[in-house]
Protein backbone atom coordinates (compact mmCIF):
# COMPACT_ATOMS: atom_id res chain seq x y z
CA MET A 1 -22.14 -38.18 -33.99
CA ASN A 2 -25.69 -36.98 -34.67
CA ALA A 3 -25.99 -33.51 -33.14
CA SER A 4 -29.10 -33.93 -31.33
CA PRO A 5 -30.09 -37.50 -30.35
CA LEU A 6 -33.14 -38.40 -27.97
CA ARG A 7 -30.42 -39.60 -25.36
CA SER A 8 -26.83 -39.42 -25.91
CA ILE A 9 -24.08 -41.71 -24.89
CA ARG A 10 -21.19 -40.28 -22.78
CA THR A 11 -19.34 -43.41 -21.58
CA LEU A 12 -18.13 -46.79 -22.80
CA GLY A 13 -20.48 -48.15 -20.27
CA GLU A 14 -23.54 -46.63 -21.73
CA ILE A 15 -22.96 -48.20 -25.11
CA PRO A 16 -25.51 -51.14 -25.28
CA PHE A 17 -23.71 -54.52 -25.55
CA PRO A 18 -26.14 -57.30 -25.23
CA GLU A 19 -25.77 -61.15 -24.93
CA LEU A 20 -27.69 -62.45 -27.97
CA PRO A 21 -28.29 -65.92 -29.53
CA ALA A 22 -25.55 -66.64 -31.72
CA LEU A 23 -27.78 -66.74 -34.67
CA ASP A 24 -29.30 -63.32 -34.36
CA LEU A 25 -25.78 -61.89 -33.35
CA LEU A 26 -23.99 -63.17 -36.73
CA ASN A 27 -26.93 -62.55 -38.57
CA LEU A 28 -27.36 -66.18 -39.46
CA ARG A 29 -31.19 -66.80 -38.65
CA HIS A 30 -32.03 -66.73 -42.63
CA ASP A 31 -30.37 -68.40 -45.38
CA ARG A 32 -28.22 -66.23 -47.48
CA ALA A 33 -25.99 -66.54 -50.32
CA ALA A 34 -23.41 -63.74 -48.89
CA PRO A 35 -23.03 -61.70 -45.90
CA ASP A 36 -25.20 -58.61 -45.44
CA PRO A 37 -22.70 -55.68 -45.92
CA ASP A 38 -25.05 -53.55 -44.31
CA TYR A 39 -25.74 -55.22 -41.13
CA ALA A 40 -24.80 -53.43 -38.26
CA GLY A 41 -25.67 -55.68 -35.51
CA PHE A 42 -23.15 -56.13 -32.31
CA GLY A 43 -22.93 -57.65 -28.82
CA HIS A 44 -21.57 -60.91 -27.32
CA CYS A 45 -22.59 -64.57 -26.87
CA ARG A 46 -21.18 -67.99 -25.74
CA LEU A 47 -20.85 -71.00 -27.76
CA ALA A 48 -19.50 -74.34 -27.14
CA GLU A 49 -17.40 -74.09 -30.54
CA VAL A 50 -16.77 -72.01 -33.21
CA TRP A 51 -14.94 -72.94 -36.34
CA LEU A 52 -12.29 -70.31 -37.73
CA ASP A 53 -10.98 -70.55 -41.30
CA GLY A 54 -9.08 -68.82 -43.93
CA PRO A 55 -6.60 -69.37 -46.89
CA ASP A 56 -3.95 -68.86 -44.43
CA GLY A 57 -4.00 -72.26 -42.53
CA GLY A 58 -6.05 -74.46 -44.57
CA ALA A 59 -8.64 -76.43 -43.06
CA PRO A 60 -10.85 -74.63 -40.30
CA ARG A 61 -9.93 -75.25 -36.70
CA PRO A 62 -12.13 -75.28 -33.86
CA VAL A 63 -12.11 -72.80 -30.79
CA ARG A 64 -14.12 -74.34 -27.86
CA ASN A 65 -15.86 -73.04 -25.09
CA VAL A 66 -15.67 -69.38 -26.37
CA ARG A 67 -16.88 -65.88 -26.01
CA ILE A 68 -17.69 -64.35 -29.37
CA LEU A 69 -17.58 -60.39 -29.49
CA ALA A 70 -19.32 -59.14 -32.58
CA LEU A 71 -18.05 -55.89 -32.96
CA HIS A 72 -18.14 -53.39 -36.23
CA SER A 73 -15.05 -51.22 -37.75
CA ALA A 74 -15.93 -47.55 -38.16
CA ASP A 75 -16.38 -47.35 -42.01
CA LEU A 76 -14.39 -44.20 -42.34
CA GLY A 77 -11.94 -45.23 -39.24
CA SER A 78 -8.57 -44.01 -39.15
CA ALA A 79 -5.96 -46.61 -39.97
CA ARG A 80 -4.19 -47.65 -36.59
CA PRO A 81 -1.14 -50.02 -36.34
CA ASP A 82 -2.41 -51.46 -32.93
CA ASP A 83 -6.05 -50.64 -32.65
CA VAL A 84 -9.37 -50.42 -34.51
CA GLU A 85 -11.92 -47.61 -34.30
CA LEU A 86 -15.18 -49.12 -33.69
CA GLU A 87 -18.52 -47.79 -34.68
CA PHE A 88 -21.60 -48.65 -32.72
CA VAL A 89 -24.99 -47.89 -34.80
CA LEU A 90 -27.92 -47.00 -32.20
CA ASP A 91 -31.07 -46.40 -34.16
CA GLU A 92 -33.02 -47.52 -31.03
CA ILE A 93 -31.75 -44.18 -29.52
CA ASP A 94 -32.27 -42.09 -32.68
CA PRO A 95 -32.35 -42.71 -36.25
CA GLY A 96 -28.85 -42.54 -37.94
CA TYR A 97 -27.14 -41.67 -34.09
CA SER A 98 -23.93 -43.45 -33.63
CA VAL A 99 -20.86 -43.50 -31.39
CA THR A 100 -17.31 -44.56 -32.05
CA ALA A 101 -14.64 -45.83 -29.46
CA LEU A 102 -11.17 -47.31 -29.80
CA LEU A 103 -11.24 -51.12 -29.62
CA SER A 104 -8.93 -51.41 -26.76
CA ALA A 105 -10.81 -48.94 -24.58
CA PHE A 106 -13.89 -50.60 -25.18
CA LEU A 107 -12.60 -54.03 -24.29
CA ASP A 108 -10.84 -52.56 -21.33
CA ALA A 109 -14.24 -51.19 -20.15
CA ARG A 110 -16.61 -53.95 -21.05
CA LEU A 111 -15.10 -57.08 -21.56
CA PRO A 112 -14.50 -58.06 -17.83
CA ALA A 113 -18.32 -57.82 -17.53
CA VAL A 114 -19.00 -60.26 -20.22
CA LEU A 115 -16.57 -62.88 -19.29
CA THR A 116 -17.35 -65.94 -17.24
CA ASP A 117 -15.60 -69.37 -17.35
CA GLU A 118 -14.76 -69.58 -21.16
CA GLN A 119 -11.22 -70.75 -22.09
CA ALA A 120 -11.42 -68.23 -25.49
CA VAL A 121 -12.26 -65.23 -26.65
CA VAL A 122 -12.90 -64.68 -30.64
CA LEU A 123 -13.46 -61.22 -32.08
CA ALA A 124 -15.79 -61.31 -34.79
CA LEU A 125 -14.43 -58.14 -35.95
CA CYS A 126 -13.61 -56.51 -39.54
CA ASN A 127 -9.89 -55.50 -39.19
CA PRO A 128 -9.68 -53.64 -42.68
CA HIS A 129 -6.37 -51.90 -41.79
CA ARG A 130 -4.93 -55.46 -40.62
CA ALA A 131 -3.86 -53.64 -36.90
CA THR A 132 -1.98 -55.84 -34.29
CA LEU A 133 -3.99 -56.02 -31.32
CA ALA A 134 -2.59 -56.12 -27.98
CA ARG A 135 -4.05 -58.96 -25.70
CA PRO A 136 -6.65 -57.49 -23.35
CA ARG A 137 -6.00 -57.69 -19.32
CA ALA A 138 -9.61 -59.22 -18.87
CA VAL A 139 -8.52 -62.20 -21.07
CA ALA A 140 -6.03 -63.50 -18.57
CA ALA A 141 -5.02 -67.24 -19.65
CA ARG A 142 -7.85 -67.44 -22.35
CA SER A 143 -6.60 -67.55 -25.86
CA PHE A 144 -7.64 -64.21 -27.91
CA HIS A 145 -8.43 -64.65 -31.54
CA TYR A 146 -8.75 -61.82 -33.97
CA ALA A 147 -9.02 -61.40 -37.77
CA LEU A 148 -6.36 -59.72 -40.20
CA GLY A 149 -8.98 -58.20 -42.97
CA ASP A 150 -12.73 -58.78 -43.25
CA VAL A 151 -14.81 -61.17 -41.11
CA GLU A 152 -17.85 -63.28 -42.76
CA SER A 153 -20.26 -65.46 -40.62
CA TRP A 154 -21.40 -68.83 -41.93
CA LEU A 155 -23.70 -71.55 -40.69
CA ASP A 156 -22.60 -74.76 -42.29
CA PRO A 157 -24.63 -77.77 -42.50
CA GLY A 158 -25.22 -79.26 -39.27
CA GLY A 159 -25.35 -76.45 -37.38
CA GLN A 160 -21.64 -75.38 -37.26
CA ILE A 161 -20.98 -71.60 -36.87
CA ARG A 162 -17.83 -70.71 -38.91
CA LEU A 163 -15.92 -67.56 -39.22
CA HIS A 164 -14.04 -66.89 -41.94
CA ALA A 165 -11.15 -64.28 -42.45
CA ALA A 166 -8.00 -63.63 -44.63
CA ALA A 167 -5.95 -64.41 -41.40
CA TRP A 168 -6.66 -65.27 -37.84
CA ARG A 169 -4.18 -64.38 -35.18
CA ASP A 170 -4.00 -65.31 -31.45
CA ALA A 171 -2.77 -62.37 -29.02
CA GLY A 172 -1.05 -64.13 -26.77
């Protein structure tokens, strides 16, 4: 963390986690040939449908009535077999200021407040060490999808949002 931010984050509940339009959240507002590796936005949105694809299962598959959680793994995060270290870049607090948290702790603290009646939760989160994630308690009976490896977001013709990863898992 930066040594002297204008305001510091002391609890997981103080980390901003906004609900945003899907195109903004997933950096799809403009045409692009490739994902922006410097994009550090985060938050959540609700979608009627998102498509998950990857080389492990062939054709993209739809997930309906879904809460998307867009988060970022820490570039220098330690490899953990069952968790991911997150990084939140908070330039609005102080340029260059960031905080880290474990995904499991962040979801325990913040997920209950963002879920409503969705049938599924999808993490748009790069999982570079291919951690096997546990199902968060707040997910309850919903399906919970997460990627192994990097996640890329795409806006397909017709306005379909697609998330691509090497593989997708449902912790359940």
